[in-house]
Amino acid sequence: MKKTTIHIALFVTVMIFSQINCFAQKTDTIVHKNGNILKGDFKKMEYGIITWKMDGMGTINVEEPYVSTIISQKQFEIVMKSGRIYYSKFEASESEGEVVITVNGEKFSILIDYIVEIHPIKKSFWQRFSGNLSLGGNFSKSSSLTTIAFSGNLDFRNKKTSFNSDWFLNLSYQNDSLITNNSEINVNWQHLFKNKWSSYVGLGRSQNLQLGIKERYNLGIGALKDITNNTWSRFYIAGGLTGITEKSFDPNSASQQDIAGIIQLAYDIFKYTSPKISLKASINYIPYFTGDSRDRANFNLNPNVSIFNNNFKVGFNFYYSYDSNPPASSLSNEDYGINLQLTYSLN
């Protein structure tokens, strides 16, 4: 419970600092195809949705198909469908659905529909953060069973480089005794290259009572390739090597060190017509190269739908973990569960 409280406190602290500059002058402009003009603060664009902040209205979403052009003196990182990355401000184009950018002193127009992501290159340290916080739970008086599910992610973005952290805790208590514990926290560094390639370094810690894992640490390196990345979906594959140190709940068991491979497939979908719906799915396969013959696999499915406004979402997270050769202290060689979640997004 102490770790859960620490995670919540850290997230809230970052969320507060990220709002420090919310009253700064808003000088960006969006021109709609119907002629309407919006003055505000361009926060980002992902999956065809522009996150836009206006005085009085707060944060709103603007759908990319309705945008005629964009004007801003800020510097942006612009990711194209082809995988090419530009760094430029935005100037108005005379052609509908286009924007003018400047690269190496030369100006040219690009179709907004060909842009996958837009992120401001922010000078403020705290403005470079974004993330989500999800919380769920359940209580049954008849069985005195309390379940707490807490998960989230926190990202820090710089030019061509990003730091990503994610965590989840699934805890069950009965009569103040912990009977189930499945938790994991990961921190990753990722650097973008040309042709939709990225490199990454990841560090993680996990625990799973069902699979007999008291603590597992892993350090991995690898590469990531975007197969499809457009305004409504992203499909990518990642692969690499990871070093693993593992300790079971058996007090007589020593720590075990192994080298393993890792292959990940991930697919994200976003529907930007109201209501906003997102779905994230991933599967990891981890074959061990040292020690006893062993294979592990993890699957996650996380759909969400917006409620109230675009910052609040409701959905669920389904997880499944398999271990072909778990420690002797394990209760099973698989673990799975589903948690209802209320999610708040930090823009």
Protein backbone atom coordinates (compact mmCIF):
# COMPACT_ATOMS: atom_id res chain seq x y z
CA MET A 1 0.00 0.00 0.00
CA LYS A 2 2.92 2.36 0.68
CA LYS A 3 4.15 1.91 -2.90
CA THR A 4 0.66 2.62 -4.23
CA THR A 5 0.50 5.85 -2.22
CA ILE A 6 3.94 6.91 -3.49
CA HIS A 7 2.94 6.32 -7.12
CA ILE A 8 -0.25 8.36 -6.69
CA ALA A 9 1.64 11.20 -4.98
CA LEU A 10 4.27 11.35 -7.73
CA PHE A 11 1.65 11.46 -10.47
CA VAL A 12 -0.36 14.22 -8.77
CA THR A 13 2.83 16.27 -8.24
CA VAL A 14 3.74 16.12 -11.94
CA MET A 15 0.14 16.89 -12.92
CA ILE A 16 0.18 20.06 -10.79
CA PHE A 17 3.49 21.30 -12.16
CA SER A 18 2.36 20.62 -15.74
CA GLN A 19 -0.38 23.19 -15.28
CA ILE A 20 1.94 25.99 -14.12
CA ASN A 21 2.04 27.59 -17.57
CA CYS A 22 -1.68 27.19 -18.31
CA PHE A 23 -2.20 30.95 -18.13
CA ALA A 24 0.51 31.76 -20.64
CA GLN A 25 -0.47 33.77 -23.70
CA LYS A 26 -2.15 31.58 -26.31
CA THR A 27 -1.01 32.64 -29.78
CA ASP A 28 -1.66 29.57 -31.97
CA THR A 29 -4.39 29.58 -34.62
CA ILE A 30 -6.48 26.85 -36.23
CA VAL A 31 -8.57 27.69 -39.30
CA HIS A 32 -11.52 25.33 -39.82
CA LYS A 33 -12.66 24.33 -43.29
CA ASN A 34 -15.97 26.07 -42.57
CA GLY A 35 -14.15 29.36 -41.96
CA ASN A 36 -14.18 29.36 -38.15
CA ILE A 37 -10.96 30.55 -36.49
CA LEU A 38 -9.77 29.27 -33.12
CA LYS A 39 -7.16 31.09 -31.02
CA GLY A 40 -5.49 29.04 -28.32
CA ASP A 41 -2.58 26.81 -27.33
CA PHE A 42 -1.61 23.86 -29.56
CA LYS A 43 -0.75 21.01 -27.16
CA LYS A 44 -0.24 18.03 -29.49
CA MET A 45 -1.75 15.93 -32.29
CA GLU A 46 -2.07 12.14 -32.12
CA TYR A 47 -4.33 9.72 -34.01
CA GLY A 48 -5.97 12.55 -35.94
CA ILE A 49 -6.91 14.49 -32.80
CA ILE A 50 -5.49 17.93 -31.99
CA THR A 51 -5.46 18.69 -28.26
CA TRP A 52 -6.21 22.41 -28.02
CA LYS A 53 -6.44 24.70 -25.00
CA MET A 54 -8.58 27.86 -25.02
CA ASP A 55 -9.35 30.54 -22.45
CA GLY A 56 -12.77 29.96 -20.94
CA MET A 57 -13.40 26.60 -22.67
CA GLY A 58 -10.42 24.74 -21.26
CA THR A 59 -8.94 21.79 -23.19
CA ILE A 60 -10.86 20.58 -26.23
CA ASN A 61 -10.23 18.14 -29.10
CA VAL A 62 -10.21 19.24 -32.74
CA GLU A 63 -10.52 16.54 -35.41
CA GLU A 64 -7.89 16.72 -38.13
CA PRO A 65 -10.26 16.22 -41.15
CA TYR A 66 -11.99 19.53 -40.33
CA VAL A 67 -8.78 21.60 -40.19
CA SER A 68 -7.94 23.85 -43.14
CA THR A 69 -4.57 25.13 -41.88
CA ILE A 70 -2.53 25.84 -38.72
CA ILE A 71 -0.52 28.92 -37.71
CA SER A 72 2.03 28.90 -34.87
CA GLN A 73 5.43 30.44 -34.12
CA LYS A 74 6.35 27.53 -31.84
CA GLN A 75 8.75 24.83 -32.96
CA PHE A 76 7.18 21.39 -33.46
CA GLU A 77 8.34 17.85 -34.02
CA ILE A 78 6.27 16.67 -37.01
CA VAL A 79 6.09 12.92 -37.71
CA MET A 80 4.86 11.94 -41.20
CA LYS A 81 3.20 8.70 -42.34
CA SER A 82 6.38 7.89 -44.26
CA GLY A 83 8.36 7.99 -41.01
CA ARG A 84 10.15 11.22 -41.90
CA ILE A 85 10.48 13.79 -39.10
CA TYR A 86 10.48 17.57 -39.56
CA TYR A 87 11.19 20.35 -37.07
CA SER A 88 9.43 23.59 -37.91
CA LYS A 89 6.87 26.23 -37.05
CA PHE A 90 3.53 26.39 -38.93
CA GLU A 91 2.47 29.00 -41.46
CA ALA A 92 -0.88 29.26 -43.26
CA SER A 93 -1.22 27.62 -46.65
CA GLU A 94 -3.38 28.96 -49.46
CA SER A 95 -4.53 25.40 -50.19
CA GLU A 96 -7.18 23.85 -47.95
CA GLY A 97 -5.97 20.99 -45.75
CA GLU A 98 -2.31 21.99 -45.98
CA VAL A 99 0.24 23.79 -43.83
CA VAL A 100 3.53 25.51 -44.69
CA ILE A 101 6.70 24.43 -42.86
CA THR A 102 10.32 25.60 -43.12
CA VAL A 103 13.15 23.07 -43.45
CA ASN A 104 16.78 24.14 -44.00
CA GLY A 105 15.62 27.64 -44.90
CA GLU A 106 13.16 26.46 -47.57
CA LYS A 107 9.37 26.71 -47.25
CA PHE A 108 6.99 24.11 -48.66
CA SER A 109 3.44 22.87 -48.09
CA ILE A 110 2.51 19.47 -46.69
CA LEU A 111 -0.90 17.82 -46.41
CA ILE A 112 -2.16 17.77 -42.82
CA ASP A 113 -3.67 14.35 -43.56
CA TYR A 114 -0.13 12.99 -44.11
CA ILE A 115 0.92 14.02 -40.58
CA VAL A 116 0.77 11.29 -37.92
CA GLU A 117 1.95 13.18 -34.82
CA ILE A 118 2.72 16.78 -33.85
CA HIS A 119 4.48 17.59 -30.57
CA PRO A 120 5.67 21.05 -29.50
CA ILE A 121 9.36 21.26 -28.63
CA LYS A 122 8.70 22.84 -25.26
CA LYS A 123 11.23 24.86 -23.33
CA SER A 124 9.56 24.25 -19.98
CA PHE A 125 10.70 21.03 -18.27
CA TRP A 126 7.30 20.28 -16.74
CA GLN A 127 5.37 20.87 -19.97
CA ARG A 128 7.17 17.95 -21.57
CA PHE A 129 5.28 15.47 -19.37
CA SER A 130 2.09 13.62 -20.32
CA GLY A 131 0.39 10.55 -18.92
CA ASN A 132 -2.62 8.64 -17.67
CA LEU A 133 -3.77 7.52 -14.25
CA SER A 134 -6.23 4.61 -13.87
CA LEU A 135 -7.88 3.41 -10.67
CA GLY A 136 -10.36 0.63 -9.96
CA GLY A 137 -11.50 -1.46 -7.01
CA ASN A 138 -14.08 -3.74 -5.47
CA PHE A 139 -15.30 -4.72 -1.98
CA SER A 140 -17.45 -7.64 -0.85
CA LYS A 141 -18.73 -7.62 2.73
CA SER A 142 -19.74 -11.30 2.68
CA SER A 143 -16.19 -12.44 1.93
CA SER A 144 -14.35 -9.42 3.41
CA LEU A 145 -12.51 -9.27 0.08
CA THR A 146 -11.09 -5.96 -1.12
CA THR A 147 -9.51 -5.56 -4.54
CA ILE A 148 -7.46 -2.54 -5.65
CA ALA A 149 -6.25 -1.99 -9.20
CA PHE A 150 -3.97 0.97 -9.89
CA SER A 151 -2.12 1.61 -13.15
CA GLY A 152 -0.79 4.45 -15.22
CA ASN A 153 1.95 5.85 -17.39
CA LEU A 154 4.07 8.97 -17.37
CA ASP A 155 6.01 10.13 -20.44
CA PHE A 156 8.71 12.76 -20.90
CA ARG A 157 9.38 13.89 -24.46
CA ASN A 158 12.36 15.71 -25.92
CA LYS A 159 13.62 16.16 -29.47
CA LYS A 160 13.76 12.65 -31.07
CA THR A 161 13.98 11.12 -27.59
CA SER A 162 11.38 10.04 -25.06
CA PHE A 163 11.38 8.50 -21.60
CA ASN A 164 8.35 6.33 -20.84
CA SER A 165 7.32 4.81 -17.52
CA ASP A 166 4.31 2.59 -16.86
CA TRP A 167 3.11 0.64 -13.86
CA PHE A 168 0.25 -1.49 -12.58
CA LEU A 169 -0.65 -2.97 -9.20
CA ASN A 170 -3.38 -5.57 -8.68
CA LEU A 171 -3.81 -6.25 -4.98
CA SER A 172 -6.42 -8.35 -3.14
CA TYR A 173 -6.92 -8.32 0.63
CA GLN A 174 -9.06 -10.59 2.78
CA ASN A 175 -9.42 -9.74 6.48
CA ASP A 176 -6.42 -7.37 6.16
CA SER A 177 -4.25 -10.17 4.74
CA LEU A 178 -2.71 -9.85 1.27
CA ILE A 179 -3.79 -12.89 -0.77
CA THR A 180 -2.95 -11.73 -4.32
CA ASN A 181 -0.20 -9.46 -5.56
CA ASN A 182 0.58 -8.84 -9.22
CA SER A 183 2.60 -5.68 -9.81
CA GLU A 184 5.02 -4.31 -12.38
CA ILE A 185 6.85 -1.06 -13.12
CA ASN A 186 8.88 -0.29 -16.24
CA VAL A 187 11.05 2.63 -17.36
CA ASN A 188 12.10 2.91 -21.02
CA TRP A 189 14.30 5.22 -23.06
CA GLN A 190 13.52 5.45 -26.80
CA HIS A 191 15.25 7.29 -29.63
CA LEU A 192 13.71 7.88 -33.08
CA PHE A 193 15.60 7.19 -36.31
CA LYS A 194 14.66 7.39 -39.97
CA ASN A 195 12.34 4.99 -41.80
CA LYS A 196 10.15 4.35 -38.76
CA TRP A 197 12.92 2.69 -36.71
CA SER A 198 13.64 3.36 -33.02
CA SER A 199 16.07 2.01 -30.46
CA TYR A 200 15.18 1.43 -26.82
CA VAL A 201 16.63 0.56 -23.43
CA GLY A 202 14.27 -0.71 -20.74
CA LEU A 203 14.47 -1.42 -17.01
CA GLY A 204 11.70 -3.16 -15.06
CA ARG A 205 10.70 -4.77 -11.77
CA SER A 206 7.77 -7.12 -11.19
CA GLN A 207 6.18 -9.41 -8.62
CA ASN A 208 3.54 -12.13 -9.05
CA LEU A 209 2.31 -14.26 -6.15
CA GLN A 210 0.35 -16.59 -8.43
CA LEU A 211 3.44 -17.43 -10.49
CA GLY A 212 5.71 -17.64 -7.43
CA ILE A 213 7.81 -14.58 -8.32
CA LYS A 214 8.82 -12.54 -5.27
CA GLU A 215 10.87 -10.11 -7.34
CA ARG A 216 12.09 -10.03 -10.91
CA TYR A 217 14.40 -7.39 -12.40
CA ASN A 218 15.09 -7.08 -16.11
CA LEU A 219 17.33 -4.87 -18.23
CA GLY A 220 16.78 -5.00 -21.97
CA ILE A 221 18.00 -3.39 -25.20
CA GLY A 222 16.47 -3.63 -28.65
CA ALA A 223 14.88 -2.01 -31.68
CA LEU A 224 11.34 -1.06 -32.67
CA LYS A 225 9.82 -0.83 -36.14
CA ASP A 226 6.51 0.87 -36.98
CA ILE A 227 4.71 -1.26 -39.56
CA THR A 228 1.66 1.01 -39.73
CA ASN A 229 1.34 4.47 -38.20
CA ASN A 230 -1.48 6.72 -39.35
CA THR A 231 -4.20 8.99 -37.96
CA TRP A 232 -6.32 6.15 -36.53
CA SER A 233 -4.00 3.24 -35.72
CA ARG A 234 -0.46 2.15 -34.97
CA PHE A 235 0.99 -1.35 -35.38
CA TYR A 236 4.58 -2.03 -34.44
CA ILE A 237 6.97 -4.87 -33.67
CA ALA A 238 9.91 -4.78 -31.24
CA GLY A 239 12.69 -7.22 -30.51
CA GLY A 240 15.78 -7.42 -28.35
CA LEU A 241 17.70 -9.09 -25.55
CA THR A 242 17.08 -8.85 -21.82
CA GLY A 243 19.02 -9.83 -18.72
CA ILE A 244 16.83 -11.18 -15.91
CA THR A 245 17.43 -11.58 -12.17
CA GLU A 246 14.68 -13.51 -10.39
CA LYS A 247 13.88 -14.47 -6.81
CA SER A 248 11.04 -16.83 -5.86
CA PHE A 249 8.93 -16.90 -2.68
CA ASP A 250 10.75 -20.07 -1.63
CA PRO A 251 13.08 -18.95 1.24
CA ASN A 252 15.52 -21.74 0.40
CA SER A 253 15.82 -20.72 -3.23
CA ALA A 254 18.73 -18.60 -4.48
CA SER A 255 18.45 -15.79 -7.01
CA GLN A 256 18.60 -16.88 -10.63
CA GLN A 257 20.17 -14.96 -13.51
CA ASP A 258 19.25 -15.58 -17.14
CA ILE A 259 19.54 -14.14 -20.63
CA ALA A 260 16.39 -14.13 -22.74
CA GLY A 261 15.05 -12.72 -25.96
CA ILE A 262 11.91 -10.62 -26.25
CA ILE A 263 9.51 -10.15 -29.15
CA GLN A 264 6.60 -7.74 -28.86
CA LEU A 265 3.64 -7.05 -31.13
CA ALA A 266 1.47 -4.04 -30.30
CA TYR A 267 -1.62 -2.57 -31.96
CA ASP A 268 -3.32 0.71 -30.98
CA ILE A 269 -6.62 1.92 -32.46
CA PHE A 270 -8.29 5.29 -31.96
CA LYS A 271 -11.76 6.37 -33.13
CA TYR A 272 -11.97 10.15 -32.99
CA THR A 273 -15.68 10.59 -33.75
CA SER A 274 -17.78 11.08 -30.60
CA PRO A 275 -17.67 9.21 -28.28
CA LYS A 276 -13.89 8.90 -28.36
CA ILE A 277 -12.85 5.24 -28.21
CA SER A 278 -9.34 3.81 -27.91
CA LEU A 279 -8.06 0.24 -27.79
CA LYS A 280 -4.55 -0.91 -26.99
CA ALA A 281 -3.42 -4.52 -27.31
CA SER A 282 0.03 -6.09 -26.95
CA ILE A 283 1.60 -9.52 -26.70
CA ASN A 284 5.13 -10.33 -25.53
CA TYR A 285 6.98 -13.60 -26.09
CA ILE A 286 10.11 -14.21 -23.96
CA PRO A 287 12.25 -17.29 -24.80
CA TYR A 288 15.06 -18.08 -22.34
CA PHE A 289 18.53 -18.80 -23.78
CA THR A 290 20.14 -19.88 -20.48
CA GLY A 291 19.11 -22.12 -17.58
CA ASP A 292 16.31 -24.66 -17.87
CA SER A 293 14.08 -24.74 -20.92
CA ARG A 294 11.59 -21.95 -20.35
CA ASP A 295 9.21 -19.67 -22.23
CA ARG A 296 7.05 -16.82 -20.98
CA ALA A 297 4.24 -14.84 -22.62
CA ASN A 298 2.15 -11.81 -21.65
CA PHE A 299 -0.99 -10.41 -23.24
CA ASN A 300 -2.75 -7.11 -22.45
CA LEU A 301 -5.99 -5.65 -23.78
CA ASN A 302 -7.11 -2.15 -22.74
CA PRO A 303 -10.19 -0.51 -24.36
CA ASN A 304 -11.49 2.89 -23.16
CA VAL A 305 -14.34 5.26 -24.01
CA SER A 306 -14.47 8.96 -23.07
CA ILE A 307 -17.01 10.24 -20.53
CA PHE A 308 -17.73 13.74 -19.16
CA ASN A 309 -14.93 15.16 -21.33
CA ASN A 310 -11.87 13.94 -23.21
CA ASN A 311 -9.71 13.74 -20.09
CA PHE A 312 -11.89 11.17 -18.33
CA LYS A 313 -12.34 7.67 -19.71
CA VAL A 314 -13.92 4.45 -18.51
CA GLY A 315 -12.85 0.99 -19.63
CA PHE A 316 -11.17 -2.19 -18.52
CA ASN A 317 -7.79 -3.90 -18.61
CA PHE A 318 -7.48 -7.62 -19.28
CA TYR A 319 -4.12 -9.28 -18.63
CA TYR A 320 -2.81 -12.81 -19.11
CA SER A 321 0.61 -14.17 -18.10
CA TYR A 322 2.04 -17.61 -18.88
CA ASP A 323 5.23 -19.29 -17.63
CA SER A 324 6.15 -22.76 -18.95
CA ASN A 325 8.54 -23.44 -16.04
CA PRO A 326 7.65 -21.26 -13.03
CA PRO A 327 9.37 -21.55 -9.62
CA ALA A 328 8.37 -24.44 -7.35
CA SER A 329 6.61 -21.98 -5.03
CA SER A 330 4.14 -20.95 -7.77
CA LEU A 331 0.43 -21.68 -7.43
CA SER A 332 0.01 -22.05 -11.19
CA ASN A 333 1.84 -21.55 -14.46
CA GLU A 334 -0.63 -18.87 -15.62
CA ASP A 335 -2.29 -15.77 -14.21
CA TYR A 336 -5.07 -13.63 -15.67
CA GLY A 337 -7.58 -11.05 -14.59
CA ILE A 338 -9.81 -8.19 -15.66
CA ASN A 339 -10.17 -4.81 -13.94
CA LEU A 340 -12.68 -2.04 -14.55
CA GLN A 341 -10.91 1.34 -14.70
CA LEU A 342 -11.61 5.05 -14.46
CA THR A 343 -8.81 6.87 -16.27
CA TYR A 344 -7.70 10.51 -16.17
CA SER A 345 -5.45 11.76 -18.99
CA LEU A 346 -2.82 14.42 -18.40
CA ASN A 347 -2.48 16.51 -21.56
